[in-house]
Amino acid sequence: MTMKAVQCLEYGDPKNLVVRDLPDPVPGPRDAIIAVEAVGLGYVDGLNVRGAYQVKRPLPFIPGSELAGTVIAVGSEAPQDLVGKRVMALAERGALCEKAVVFAAQCTPLPEKFSSVAAAAALVNYSTAIYGFETCGHLQPGETVLVLGASGGVGMAAIDVARGMGATVVAAASSDERLAACVKAGADLTVNYSGPDWRKTLEAVLDGRRLTVIYDPVGGQWSETAFRCLAPGGRHLVVGFAGGEIPKIPLNLPLLKRASIVGVDWGGHVRAEAGAAAVIFQRMIELVNGGRINPQPSATFALEETPALLTRMLNRENIGKPVVAIGKAV
């Protein structure tokens, strides 16, 4: 038996990815085989295809890691009752395929109200936001949060999670179109940070509110400006450097503001702490079931559209979190 899969045969432009028939995977003793229904894609997936990520995946490989689907087989040492359950999981051996092999211990069963496309859209970005706001940032109801790069998949998840935790959210992005998408996602206030004086614009938007938390997946020139707007005692959450430049914030600023700069490395957290991913996934499901967050993809695409989709993501032309729908994609 064979399955369709996207495969990277050489590092480079995503347009060189191929969709081909590969043999069905066979589970190892602790593995589960998932009939994939949805795969969430992020900027890092494009970097992996280019060979530009900090850890290169050996060629050839199937891109993608965030999936949801139904378990159709398990290995001899895996829980047999997983078969037939709809789950979400991180697929270290590739997700953009009709049947993926994952470690059974990494499968989290999904409630009926949490669709596969929503789960695939949420898996990494929402986990990072939950870990960032709850564990690293200790966000409290009534606080004001500034989300940089708010129109991307990471930013959209941060808007939803911060709102679900009772915060007022200021979304920062580079165009009116992107800011409109942020408002639709739940942002209370917006600021266009493409201009040279966006600090003054932000201060006007805040209108006296104390900015206590910054969620920063962008870095570059925007980080220091944002930090200078942070209220005394605030927390600047460092999530990534999508802007391409690692900022160098003068240490007198956190000293004078009595403020914290906190690293949010969810991937490092789950690698260091056994079972940490499952804890966050269960927290995510709890928030979904309670109606406090509502993960959704920005759009869904077919498997064959993956090369063009990853190209758009690398060119920063995408808004929100795209999902590749496979099979029944409930």
C-alpha atoms as a PDB file:
ATOM      1  CA  MET A   1       0.000   0.000   0.000  1.00  0.00           C
ATOM      2  CA  THR A   2       1.103   3.542  -0.710  1.00  0.00           C
ATOM      3  CA  MET A   3       0.232   7.027   0.454  1.00  0.00           C
ATOM      4  CA  LYS A   4       0.679  10.518  -0.948  1.00  0.00           C
ATOM      5  CA  ALA A   5       3.286  12.691   0.733  1.00  0.00           C
ATOM      6  CA  VAL A   6       5.142  15.941   0.206  1.00  0.00           C
ATOM      7  CA  GLN A   7       8.860  15.255   0.103  1.00  0.00           C
ATOM      8  CA  CYS A   8      11.925  17.483   0.187  1.00  0.00           C
ATOM      9  CA  LEU A   9      14.659  15.883  -1.933  1.00  0.00           C
ATOM     10  CA  GLU A  10      17.117  18.796  -1.803  1.00  0.00           C
ATOM     11  CA  TYR A  11      17.462  21.955   0.275  1.00  0.00           C
ATOM     12  CA  GLY A  12      16.297  25.059  -1.532  1.00  0.00           C
ATOM     13  CA  ASP A  13      13.209  26.795  -2.819  1.00  0.00           C
ATOM     14  CA  PRO A  14       9.897  25.207  -1.714  1.00  0.00           C
ATOM     15  CA  LYS A  15       8.839  25.119  -5.382  1.00  0.00           C
ATOM     16  CA  ASN A  16      11.153  22.102  -5.711  1.00  0.00           C
ATOM     17  CA  LEU A  17       9.109  20.042  -3.260  1.00  0.00           C
ATOM     18  CA  VAL A  18       7.437  17.013  -4.827  1.00  0.00           C
ATOM     19  CA  VAL A  19       4.181  15.217  -4.085  1.00  0.00           C
ATOM     20  CA  ARG A  20       4.755  11.523  -4.602  1.00  0.00           C
ATOM     21  CA  ASP A  21       3.564   8.082  -3.595  1.00  0.00           C
ATOM     22  CA  LEU A  22       5.522   6.508  -0.733  1.00  0.00           C
ATOM     23  CA  PRO A  23       5.102   3.175   1.044  1.00  0.00           C
ATOM     24  CA  ASP A  24       2.701   3.202   3.986  1.00  0.00           C
ATOM     25  CA  PRO A  25       4.578   3.626   7.286  1.00  0.00           C
ATOM     26  CA  VAL A  26       4.917   0.688   9.669  1.00  0.00           C
ATOM     27  CA  PRO A  27       4.700   1.422  13.406  1.00  0.00           C
ATOM     28  CA  GLY A  28       7.566   0.663  15.730  1.00  0.00           C
ATOM     29  CA  PRO A  29       6.728  -0.841  19.140  1.00  0.00           C
ATOM     30  CA  ARG A  30       5.869   2.549  20.727  1.00  0.00           C
ATOM     31  CA  ASP A  31       4.527   4.274  17.620  1.00  0.00           C
ATOM     32  CA  ALA A  32       1.093   5.218  16.352  1.00  0.00           C
ATOM     33  CA  ILE A  33       0.055   5.576  12.727  1.00  0.00           C
ATOM     34  CA  ILE A  34      -2.277   8.497  12.107  1.00  0.00           C
ATOM     35  CA  ALA A  35      -4.558   8.997   9.125  1.00  0.00           C
ATOM     36  CA  VAL A  36      -3.747  12.670   8.779  1.00  0.00           C
ATOM     37  CA  GLU A  37      -6.635  15.108   8.434  1.00  0.00           C
ATOM     38  CA  ALA A  38      -4.911  18.473   8.899  1.00  0.00           C
ATOM     39  CA  VAL A  39      -1.392  19.881   9.099  1.00  0.00           C
ATOM     40  CA  GLY A  40      -0.534  23.326  10.468  1.00  0.00           C
ATOM     41  CA  LEU A  41       2.353  25.137   8.775  1.00  0.00           C
ATOM     42  CA  GLY A  42       4.703  27.775  10.131  1.00  0.00           C
ATOM     43  CA  TYR A  43       7.645  29.847   8.975  1.00  0.00           C
ATOM     44  CA  VAL A  44      10.058  27.274  10.391  1.00  0.00           C
ATOM     45  CA  ASP A  45       8.743  24.683   7.916  1.00  0.00           C
ATOM     46  CA  GLY A  46       9.906  26.867   5.053  1.00  0.00           C
ATOM     47  CA  LEU A  47      13.295  27.317   6.729  1.00  0.00           C
ATOM     48  CA  ASN A  48      13.629  23.532   7.049  1.00  0.00           C
ATOM     49  CA  VAL A  49      13.000  23.138   3.334  1.00  0.00           C
ATOM     50  CA  ARG A  50      15.639  25.758   2.558  1.00  0.00           C
ATOM     51  CA  GLY A  51      18.097  24.071   4.904  1.00  0.00           C
ATOM     52  CA  ALA A  52      18.296  27.394   6.725  1.00  0.00           C
ATOM     53  CA  TYR A  53      17.056  26.267  10.141  1.00  0.00           C
ATOM     54  CA  GLN A  54      19.557  25.865  12.993  1.00  0.00           C
ATOM     55  CA  VAL A  55      19.187  22.069  12.819  1.00  0.00           C
ATOM     56  CA  LYS A  56      19.079  20.565   9.327  1.00  0.00           C
ATOM     57  CA  ARG A  57      16.774  17.616   8.768  1.00  0.00           C
ATOM     58  CA  PRO A  58      18.468  14.766   6.858  1.00  0.00           C
ATOM     59  CA  LEU A  59      17.408  14.418   3.231  1.00  0.00           C
ATOM     60  CA  PRO A  60      15.003  13.278   1.961  1.00  0.00           C
ATOM     61  CA  PHE A  61      12.319  14.270   4.460  1.00  0.00           C
ATOM     62  CA  ILE A  62       8.615  14.997   4.750  1.00  0.00           C
ATOM     63  CA  PRO A  63       8.105  18.593   5.955  1.00  0.00           C
ATOM     64  CA  GLY A  64       5.676  19.692   8.652  1.00  0.00           C
ATOM     65  CA  SER A  65       5.249  18.597  12.253  1.00  0.00           C
ATOM     66  CA  GLU A  66       1.854  19.834  13.540  1.00  0.00           C
ATOM     67  CA  LEU A  67      -0.931  17.410  12.731  1.00  0.00           C
ATOM     68  CA  ALA A  68      -4.332  16.146  13.726  1.00  0.00           C
ATOM     69  CA  GLY A  69      -6.071  12.996  12.558  1.00  0.00           C
ATOM     70  CA  THR A  70      -7.327   9.558  13.530  1.00  0.00           C
ATOM     71  CA  VAL A  71      -5.129   6.775  14.899  1.00  0.00           C
ATOM     72  CA  ILE A  72      -5.425   3.725  12.632  1.00  0.00           C
ATOM     73  CA  ALA A  73      -2.694   1.468  14.091  1.00  0.00           C
ATOM     74  CA  VAL A  74      -0.299   1.281  17.017  1.00  0.00           C
ATOM     75  CA  GLY A  75       2.807  -0.693  17.884  1.00  0.00           C
ATOM     76  CA  SER A  76       2.946  -3.630  20.265  1.00  0.00           C
ATOM     77  CA  GLU A  77       4.002  -1.525  23.268  1.00  0.00           C
ATOM     78  CA  ALA A  78       1.650   1.415  22.617  1.00  0.00           C
ATOM     79  CA  PRO A  79      -1.788   1.837  24.243  1.00  0.00           C
ATOM     80  CA  GLN A  80      -4.152  -0.210  22.101  1.00  0.00           C
ATOM     81  CA  ASP A  81      -7.151   1.945  23.021  1.00  0.00           C
ATOM     82  CA  LEU A  82      -5.702   4.808  20.961  1.00  0.00           C
ATOM     83  CA  VAL A  83      -6.893   3.115  17.769  1.00  0.00           C
ATOM     84  CA  GLY A  84      -9.913   4.921  16.371  1.00  0.00           C
ATOM     85  CA  LYS A  85      -9.363   8.097  18.401  1.00  0.00           C
ATOM     86  CA  ARG A  86      -8.954  11.506  16.844  1.00  0.00           C
ATOM     87  CA  VAL A  87      -5.772  13.086  18.193  1.00  0.00           C
ATOM     88  CA  MET A  88      -3.311  15.920  17.763  1.00  0.00           C
ATOM     89  CA  ALA A  89       0.420  15.271  17.839  1.00  0.00           C
ATOM     90  CA  LEU A  90       3.845  16.572  16.928  1.00  0.00           C
ATOM     91  CA  ALA A  91       5.238  14.459  14.097  1.00  0.00           C
ATOM     92  CA  GLU A  92       9.019  14.607  14.268  1.00  0.00           C
ATOM     93  CA  ARG A  93       9.232  12.345  11.223  1.00  0.00           C
ATOM     94  CA  GLY A  94       7.031  14.551   9.042  1.00  0.00           C
ATOM     95  CA  ALA A  95       3.361  15.494   8.826  1.00  0.00           C
ATOM     96  CA  LEU A  96       2.583  16.437   5.212  1.00  0.00           C
ATOM     97  CA  CYS A  97       1.409  12.978   4.214  1.00  0.00           C
ATOM     98  CA  GLU A  98      -1.737  10.887   4.264  1.00  0.00           C
ATOM     99  CA  LYS A  99      -0.407   8.575   7.002  1.00  0.00           C
ATOM    100  CA  ALA A 100       2.112   9.767   9.571  1.00  0.00           C
ATOM    101  CA  VAL A 101       4.080   7.883  12.191  1.00  0.00           C
ATOM    102  CA  VAL A 102       4.401   9.507  15.628  1.00  0.00           C
ATOM    103  CA  PHE A 103       5.287   8.415  19.117  1.00  0.00           C
ATOM    104  CA  ALA A 104       2.077   7.152  20.726  1.00  0.00           C
ATOM    105  CA  ALA A 105       2.947   8.955  23.958  1.00  0.00           C
ATOM    106  CA  GLN A 106       2.727  12.270  22.093  1.00  0.00           C
ATOM    107  CA  CYS A 107      -0.883  11.729  20.970  1.00  0.00           C
ATOM    108  CA  THR A 108      -3.494  13.842  22.748  1.00  0.00           C
ATOM    109  CA  PRO A 109      -7.143  12.817  22.142  1.00  0.00           C
ATOM    110  CA  LEU A 110      -9.359  15.647  20.921  1.00  0.00           C
ATOM    111  CA  PRO A 111     -12.844  16.487  22.198  1.00  0.00           C
ATOM    112  CA  GLU A 112     -15.638  16.531  19.655  1.00  0.00           C
ATOM    113  CA  LYS A 113     -15.901  20.331  19.603  1.00  0.00           C
ATOM    114  CA  PHE A 114     -12.186  20.729  18.739  1.00  0.00           C
ATOM    115  CA  SER A 115     -11.954  20.141  14.984  1.00  0.00           C
ATOM    116  CA  SER A 116      -8.875  18.635  13.369  1.00  0.00           C
ATOM    117  CA  VAL A 117      -8.180  21.768  11.319  1.00  0.00           C
ATOM    118  CA  ALA A 118      -8.449  23.927  14.455  1.00  0.00           C
ATOM    119  CA  ALA A 119      -6.169  21.605  16.423  1.00  0.00           C
ATOM    120  CA  ALA A 120      -3.545  21.607  13.655  1.00  0.00           C
ATOM    121  CA  ALA A 121      -3.693  25.391  13.558  1.00  0.00           C
ATOM    122  CA  ALA A 122      -3.270  25.627  17.326  1.00  0.00           C
ATOM    123  CA  LEU A 123      -0.693  23.009  18.190  1.00  0.00           C
ATOM    124  CA  VAL A 124       2.550  24.998  18.380  1.00  0.00           C
ATOM    125  CA  ASN A 125       1.437  28.639  18.318  1.00  0.00           C
ATOM    126  CA  TYR A 126      -1.218  28.286  21.022  1.00  0.00           C
ATOM    127  CA  SER A 127       1.019  26.082  23.152  1.00  0.00           C
ATOM    128  CA  THR A 128       3.703  28.755  22.983  1.00  0.00           C
ATOM    129  CA  ALA A 129       1.223  31.495  23.869  1.00  0.00           C
ATOM    130  CA  ILE A 130      -0.236  29.562  26.806  1.00  0.00           C
ATOM    131  CA  TYR A 131       3.219  28.711  28.132  1.00  0.00           C
ATOM    132  CA  GLY A 132       4.398  32.272  27.526  1.00  0.00           C
ATOM    133  CA  PHE A 133       1.525  34.075  29.198  1.00  0.00           C
ATOM    134  CA  GLU A 134       0.801  31.663  32.042  1.00  0.00           C
ATOM    135  CA  THR A 135       4.183  30.191  32.981  1.00  0.00           C
ATOM    136  CA  CYS A 136       6.646  32.861  31.847  1.00  0.00           C
ATOM    137  CA  GLY A 137       4.635  36.082  31.941  1.00  0.00           C
ATOM    138  CA  HIS A 138       2.193  35.402  34.802  1.00  0.00           C
ATOM    139  CA  LEU A 139      -0.454  37.389  32.914  1.00  0.00           C
ATOM    140  CA  GLN A 140      -3.346  38.564  35.080  1.00  0.00           C
ATOM    141  CA  PRO A 141      -6.883  39.627  34.103  1.00  0.00           C
ATOM    142  CA  GLY A 142      -7.098  43.340  33.418  1.00  0.00           C
ATOM    143  CA  GLU A 143      -3.521  43.767  32.232  1.00  0.00           C
ATOM    144  CA  THR A 144      -2.660  45.278  28.845  1.00  0.00           C
ATOM    145  CA  VAL A 145      -0.636  43.235  26.353  1.00  0.00           C
ATOM    146  CA  LEU A 146       1.172  44.454  23.236  1.00  0.00           C
ATOM    147  CA  VAL A 147       1.549  41.749  20.574  1.00  0.00           C
ATOM    148  CA  LEU A 148       4.240  42.462  17.984  1.00  0.00           C
ATOM    149  CA  GLY A 149       3.891  40.784  14.585  1.00  0.00           C
ATOM    150  CA  ALA A 150       0.270  40.284  15.522  1.00  0.00           C
ATOM    151  CA  SER A 151      -1.027  39.312  12.070  1.00  0.00           C
ATOM    152  CA  GLY A 152       1.078  36.162  11.750  1.00  0.00           C
ATOM    153  CA  GLY A 153       0.131  32.759  13.091  1.00  0.00           C
ATOM    154  CA  VAL A 154       2.136  33.298  16.283  1.00  0.00           C
ATOM    155  CA  GLY A 155       0.614  36.726  16.840  1.00  0.00           C
ATOM    156  CA  MET A 156      -2.966  35.650  16.145  1.00  0.00           C
ATOM    157  CA  ALA A 157      -2.649  32.872  18.722  1.00  0.00           C
ATOM    158  CA  ALA A 158      -1.271  35.368  21.254  1.00  0.00           C
ATOM    159  CA  ILE A 159      -4.241  37.690  20.672  1.00  0.00           C
ATOM    160  CA  ASP A 160      -6.723  34.882  21.295  1.00  0.00           C
ATOM    161  CA  VAL A 161      -4.971  33.490  24.377  1.00  0.00           C
ATOM    162  CA  ALA A 162      -4.402  36.901  25.983  1.00  0.00           C
ATOM    163  CA  ARG A 163      -8.048  37.835  25.435  1.00  0.00           C
ATOM    164  CA  GLY A 164      -9.092  34.470  26.863  1.00  0.00           C
ATOM    165  CA  MET A 165      -7.077  35.265  29.999  1.00  0.00           C
ATOM    166  CA  GLY A 166      -8.869  38.572  30.462  1.00  0.00           C
ATOM    167  CA  ALA A 167      -6.266  40.982  29.097  1.00  0.00           C
ATOM    168  CA  THR A 168      -6.708  44.017  26.862  1.00  0.00           C
ATOM    169  CA  VAL A 169      -4.787  43.361  23.644  1.00  0.00           C
ATOM    170  CA  VAL A 170      -2.981  45.911  21.492  1.00  0.00           C
ATOM    171  CA  ALA A 171      -2.044  44.384  18.116  1.00  0.00           C
ATOM    172  CA  ALA A 172       0.975  45.774  16.269  1.00  0.00           C
ATOM    173  CA  ALA A 173       1.428  45.050  12.548  1.00  0.00           C
ATOM    174  CA  SER A 174       2.718  46.700   9.396  1.00  0.00           C
ATOM    175  CA  SER A 175      -0.405  47.497   7.343  1.00  0.00           C
ATOM    176  CA  ASP A 176      -4.070  48.398   7.659  1.00  0.00           C
ATOM    177  CA  GLU A 177      -5.015  45.071   6.051  1.00  0.00           C
ATOM    178  CA  ARG A 178      -3.069  43.136   8.653  1.00  0.00           C
ATOM    179  CA  LEU A 179      -4.463  45.218  11.501  1.00  0.00           C
ATOM    180  CA  ALA A 180      -8.014  44.618  10.262  1.00  0.00           C
ATOM    181  CA  ALA A 181      -7.322  40.865  10.459  1.00  0.00           C
ATOM    182  CA  CYS A 182      -6.082  41.358  14.038  1.00  0.00           C
ATOM    183  CA  VAL A 183      -9.299  43.139  15.017  1.00  0.00           C
ATOM    184  CA  LYS A 184     -11.289  40.283  13.506  1.00  0.00           C
ATOM    185  CA  ALA A 185      -9.183  37.901  15.623  1.00  0.00           C
ATOM    186  CA  GLY A 186     -10.135  39.793  18.785  1.00  0.00           C
ATOM    187  CA  ALA A 187      -7.607  42.606  19.273  1.00  0.00           C
ATOM    188  CA  ASP A 188      -9.014  45.530  21.253  1.00  0.00           C
ATOM    189  CA  LEU A 189      -6.628  48.169  19.919  1.00  0.00           C
ATOM    190  CA  THR A 190      -4.156  48.399  17.040  1.00  0.00           C
ATOM    191  CA  VAL A 191      -0.990  50.235  16.084  1.00  0.00           C
ATOM    192  CA  ASN A 192       0.793  50.346  12.730  1.00  0.00           C
ATOM    193  CA  TYR A 193       4.509  50.022  13.502  1.00  0.00           C
ATOM    194  CA  SER A 194       5.776  50.581   9.965  1.00  0.00           C
ATOM    195  CA  GLY A 195       6.328  54.298  10.525  1.00  0.00           C
ATOM    196  CA  PRO A 196       9.343  55.908  12.256  1.00  0.00           C
ATOM    197  CA  ASP A 197       7.252  57.464  15.055  1.00  0.00           C
ATOM    198  CA  TRP A 198       5.149  54.463  15.955  1.00  0.00           C
ATOM    199  CA  ARG A 199       6.099  54.864  19.629  1.00  0.00           C
ATOM    200  CA  LYS A 200       4.086  58.086  19.760  1.00  0.00           C
ATOM    201  CA  THR A 201       1.221  56.341  17.980  1.00  0.00           C
ATOM    202  CA  LEU A 202       1.310  53.524  20.533  1.00  0.00           C
ATOM    203  CA  GLU A 203       1.320  55.951  23.443  1.00  0.00           C
ATOM    204  CA  ALA A 204      -1.726  57.686  21.956  1.00  0.00           C
ATOM    205  CA  VAL A 205      -3.492  54.350  21.478  1.00  0.00           C
ATOM    206  CA  LEU A 206      -2.747  53.326  25.070  1.00  0.00           C
ATOM    207  CA  ASP A 207      -4.315  56.589  26.245  1.00  0.00           C
ATOM    208  CA  GLY A 208      -2.953  56.286  29.760  1.00  0.00           C
ATOM    209  CA  ARG A 209      -3.223  52.506  30.104  1.00  0.00           C
ATOM    210  CA  ARG A 210      -0.232  50.779  31.701  1.00  0.00           C
ATOM    211  CA  LEU A 211       1.419  48.453  29.194  1.00  0.00           C
ATOM    212  CA  THR A 212       2.489  45.557  31.394  1.00  0.00           C
ATOM    213  CA  VAL A 213       3.274  42.684  28.998  1.00  0.00           C
ATOM    214  CA  ILE A 214       4.897  42.569  25.545  1.00  0.00           C
ATOM    215  CA  TYR A 215       4.669  39.411  23.414  1.00  0.00           C
ATOM    216  CA  ASP A 216       7.562  39.657  20.970  1.00  0.00           C
ATOM    217  CA  PRO A 217       8.098  37.105  18.183  1.00  0.00           C
ATOM    218  CA  VAL A 218       9.669  39.754  15.929  1.00  0.00           C
ATOM    219  CA  GLY A 219      12.830  41.219  17.449  1.00  0.00           C
ATOM    220  CA  GLY A 220      14.799  43.650  15.304  1.00  0.00           C
ATOM    221  CA  GLN A 221      14.321  47.387  15.688  1.00  0.00           C
ATOM    222  CA  TRP A 222      10.824  46.972  17.109  1.00  0.00           C
ATOM    223  CA  SER A 223      11.846  45.328  20.389  1.00  0.00           C
ATOM    224  CA  GLU A 224      13.661  48.260  21.983  1.00  0.00           C
ATOM    225  CA  THR A 225      10.947  50.739  21.042  1.00  0.00           C
ATOM    226  CA  ALA A 226       8.304  48.452  22.533  1.00  0.00           C
ATOM    227  CA  PHE A 227      10.352  47.931  25.684  1.00  0.00           C
ATOM    228  CA  ARG A 228      10.672  51.683  26.176  1.00  0.00           C
ATOM    229  CA  CYS A 229       6.845  51.833  26.273  1.00  0.00           C
ATOM    230  CA  LEU A 230       6.620  49.103  28.920  1.00  0.00           C
ATOM    231  CA  ALA A 231       5.339  50.190  32.325  1.00  0.00           C
ATOM    232  CA  PRO A 232       7.578  49.802  35.391  1.00  0.00           C
ATOM    233  CA  GLY A 233       7.460  46.224  36.632  1.00  0.00           C
ATOM    234  CA  GLY A 234       6.365  44.935  33.224  1.00  0.00           C
ATOM    235  CA  ARG A 235       7.451  41.782  31.389  1.00  0.00           C
ATOM    236  CA  HIS A 236       8.860  41.601  27.875  1.00  0.00           C
ATOM    237  CA  LEU A 237       8.341  38.060  26.561  1.00  0.00           C
ATOM    238  CA  VAL A 238      10.939  37.112  23.922  1.00  0.00           C
ATOM    239  CA  VAL A 239       9.372  34.532  21.587  1.00  0.00           C
ATOM    240  CA  GLY A 240      11.523  34.782  18.452  1.00  0.00           C
ATOM    241  CA  PHE A 241      13.197  36.950  15.852  1.00  0.00           C
ATOM    242  CA  ALA A 242      11.029  36.829  12.741  1.00  0.00           C
ATOM    243  CA  GLY A 243      12.323  40.288  11.855  1.00  0.00           C
ATOM    244  CA  GLY A 244      15.689  38.657  11.194  1.00  0.00           C
ATOM    245  CA  GLU A 245      17.767  40.691  13.646  1.00  0.00           C
ATOM    246  CA  ILE A 246      18.438  39.854  17.288  1.00  0.00           C
ATOM    247  CA  PRO A 247      17.995  43.126  19.221  1.00  0.00           C
ATOM    248  CA  LYS A 248      20.473  44.445  21.767  1.00  0.00           C
ATOM    249  CA  ILE A 249      18.409  46.175  24.449  1.00  0.00           C
ATOM    250  CA  PRO A 250      20.500  48.402  26.762  1.00  0.00           C
ATOM    251  CA  LEU A 251      20.450  46.859  30.224  1.00  0.00           C
ATOM    252  CA  ASN A 252      19.877  50.214  31.883  1.00  0.00           C
ATOM    253  CA  LEU A 253      16.303  50.067  30.558  1.00  0.00           C
ATOM    254  CA  PRO A 254      15.167  47.002  32.553  1.00  0.00           C
ATOM    255  CA  LEU A 255      17.111  48.388  35.520  1.00  0.00           C
ATOM    256  CA  LEU A 256      15.340  51.751  35.496  1.00  0.00           C
ATOM    257  CA  LYS A 257      11.955  50.215  34.729  1.00  0.00           C
ATOM    258  CA  ARG A 258      12.423  47.372  37.232  1.00  0.00           C
ATOM    259  CA  ALA A 259      11.143  45.257  34.355  1.00  0.00           C
ATOM    260  CA  SER A 260      11.857  41.700  33.204  1.00  0.00           C
ATOM    261  CA  ILE A 261      12.990  40.283  29.871  1.00  0.00           C
ATOM    262  CA  VAL A 262      11.810  36.663  29.813  1.00  0.00           C
ATOM    263  CA  GLY A 263      12.637  34.001  27.222  1.00  0.00           C
ATOM    264  CA  VAL A 264       9.698  31.941  25.948  1.00  0.00           C
ATOM    265  CA  ASP A 265      11.149  28.760  24.433  1.00  0.00           C
ATOM    266  CA  TRP A 266       8.278  26.299  24.518  1.00  0.00           C
ATOM    267  CA  GLY A 267      10.198  23.797  22.409  1.00  0.00           C
ATOM    268  CA  GLY A 268      13.112  23.864  24.824  1.00  0.00           C
ATOM    269  CA  HIS A 269      10.711  23.517  27.744  1.00  0.00           C
ATOM    270  CA  VAL A 270       9.080  20.355  26.405  1.00  0.00           C
ATOM    271  CA  ARG A 271      12.443  18.839  25.479  1.00  0.00           C
ATOM    272  CA  ALA A 272      13.750  19.443  28.996  1.00  0.00           C
ATOM    273  CA  GLU A 273      10.656  18.417  30.944  1.00  0.00           C
ATOM    274  CA  ALA A 274       9.132  14.990  30.308  1.00  0.00           C
ATOM    275  CA  GLY A 275       5.371  15.248  29.914  1.00  0.00           C
ATOM    276  CA  ALA A 276       5.388  19.049  29.638  1.00  0.00           C
ATOM    277  CA  ALA A 277       3.829  19.036  26.162  1.00  0.00           C
ATOM    278  CA  ALA A 278       0.892  16.939  27.336  1.00  0.00           C
ATOM    279  CA  VAL A 279       0.251  19.364  30.198  1.00  0.00           C
ATOM    280  CA  ILE A 280       0.067  22.326  27.814  1.00  0.00           C
ATOM    281  CA  PHE A 281      -2.089  20.410  25.324  1.00  0.00           C
ATOM    282  CA  GLN A 282      -4.567  19.553  28.074  1.00  0.00           C
ATOM    283  CA  ARG A 283      -4.613  23.189  29.180  1.00  0.00           C
ATOM    284  CA  MET A 284      -5.349  24.195  25.584  1.00  0.00           C
ATOM    285  CA  ILE A 285      -8.266  21.751  25.423  1.00  0.00           C
ATOM    286  CA  GLU A 286      -9.557  23.071  28.757  1.00  0.00           C
ATOM    287  CA  LEU A 287      -9.548  26.631  27.382  1.00  0.00           C
ATOM    288  CA  VAL A 288     -11.284  25.490  24.178  1.00  0.00           C
ATOM    289  CA  ASN A 289     -13.938  23.579  26.097  1.00  0.00           C
ATOM    290  CA  GLY A 290     -14.494  26.599  28.328  1.00  0.00           C
ATOM    291  CA  GLY A 291     -15.027  28.849  25.317  1.00  0.00           C
ATOM    292  CA  ARG A 292     -12.106  31.074  26.306  1.00  0.00           C
ATOM    293  CA  ILE A 293     -10.087  30.522  23.120  1.00  0.00           C
ATOM    294  CA  ASN A 294     -11.168  29.676  19.590  1.00  0.00           C
ATOM    295  CA  PRO A 295      -8.279  28.430  17.419  1.00  0.00           C
ATOM    296  CA  GLN A 296      -8.992  28.584  13.688  1.00  0.00           C
ATOM    297  CA  PRO A 297      -6.835  28.443  10.561  1.00  0.00           C
ATOM    298  CA  SER A 298      -6.570  31.545   8.414  1.00  0.00           C
ATOM    299  CA  ALA A 299      -7.285  29.340   5.377  1.00  0.00           C
ATOM    300  CA  THR A 300      -7.064  25.699   4.315  1.00  0.00           C
ATOM    301  CA  PHE A 301      -5.130  24.320   1.356  1.00  0.00           C
ATOM    302  CA  ALA A 302      -4.710  21.053  -0.522  1.00  0.00           C
ATOM    303  CA  LEU A 303      -1.576  18.919  -0.180  1.00  0.00           C
ATOM    304  CA  GLU A 304      -0.532  19.833  -3.728  1.00  0.00           C
ATOM    305  CA  GLU A 305      -0.575  23.545  -2.822  1.00  0.00           C
ATOM    306  CA  THR A 306       2.148  23.155  -0.187  1.00  0.00           C
ATOM    307  CA  PRO A 307       5.088  24.397  -2.323  1.00  0.00           C
ATOM    308  CA  ALA A 308       3.322  27.657  -3.229  1.00  0.00           C
ATOM    309  CA  LEU A 309       2.048  28.084   0.337  1.00  0.00           C
ATOM    310  CA  LEU A 310       5.499  27.735   1.896  1.00  0.00           C
ATOM    311  CA  THR A 311       6.891  30.177  -0.662  1.00  0.00           C
ATOM    312  CA  ARG A 312       4.307  32.773   0.371  1.00  0.00           C
ATOM    313  CA  MET A 313       5.120  32.179   4.040  1.00  0.00           C
ATOM    314  CA  LEU A 314       8.847  32.675   3.471  1.00  0.00           C
ATOM    315  CA  ASN A 315       8.048  35.884   1.583  1.00  0.00           C
ATOM    316  CA  ARG A 316       5.905  37.011   4.551  1.00  0.00           C
ATOM    317  CA  GLU A 317       2.848  37.337   2.359  1.00  0.00           C
ATOM    318  CA  ASN A 318       0.626  35.213   4.582  1.00  0.00           C
ATOM    319  CA  ILE A 319      -1.754  36.405   7.300  1.00  0.00           C
ATOM    320  CA  GLY A 320      -2.605  34.084  10.167  1.00  0.00           C
ATOM    321  CA  LYS A 321      -1.999  30.335  10.401  1.00  0.00           C
ATOM    322  CA  PRO A 322      -2.587  28.245   7.256  1.00  0.00           C
ATOM    323  CA  VAL A 323      -3.560  24.578   7.414  1.00  0.00           C
ATOM    324  CA  VAL A 324      -3.222  21.851   4.807  1.00  0.00           C
ATOM    325  CA  ALA A 325      -6.383  19.730   4.830  1.00  0.00           C
ATOM    326  CA  ILE A 326      -5.983  16.047   4.016  1.00  0.00           C
ATOM    327  CA  GLY A 327      -8.614  13.321   3.837  1.00  0.00           C
ATOM    328  CA  LYS A 328     -11.893  14.133   5.560  1.00  0.00           C
ATOM    329  CA  ALA A 329     -10.382  17.067   7.532  1.00  0.00           C
ATOM    330  CA  VAL A 330     -13.150  17.426  10.118  1.00  0.00           C
END
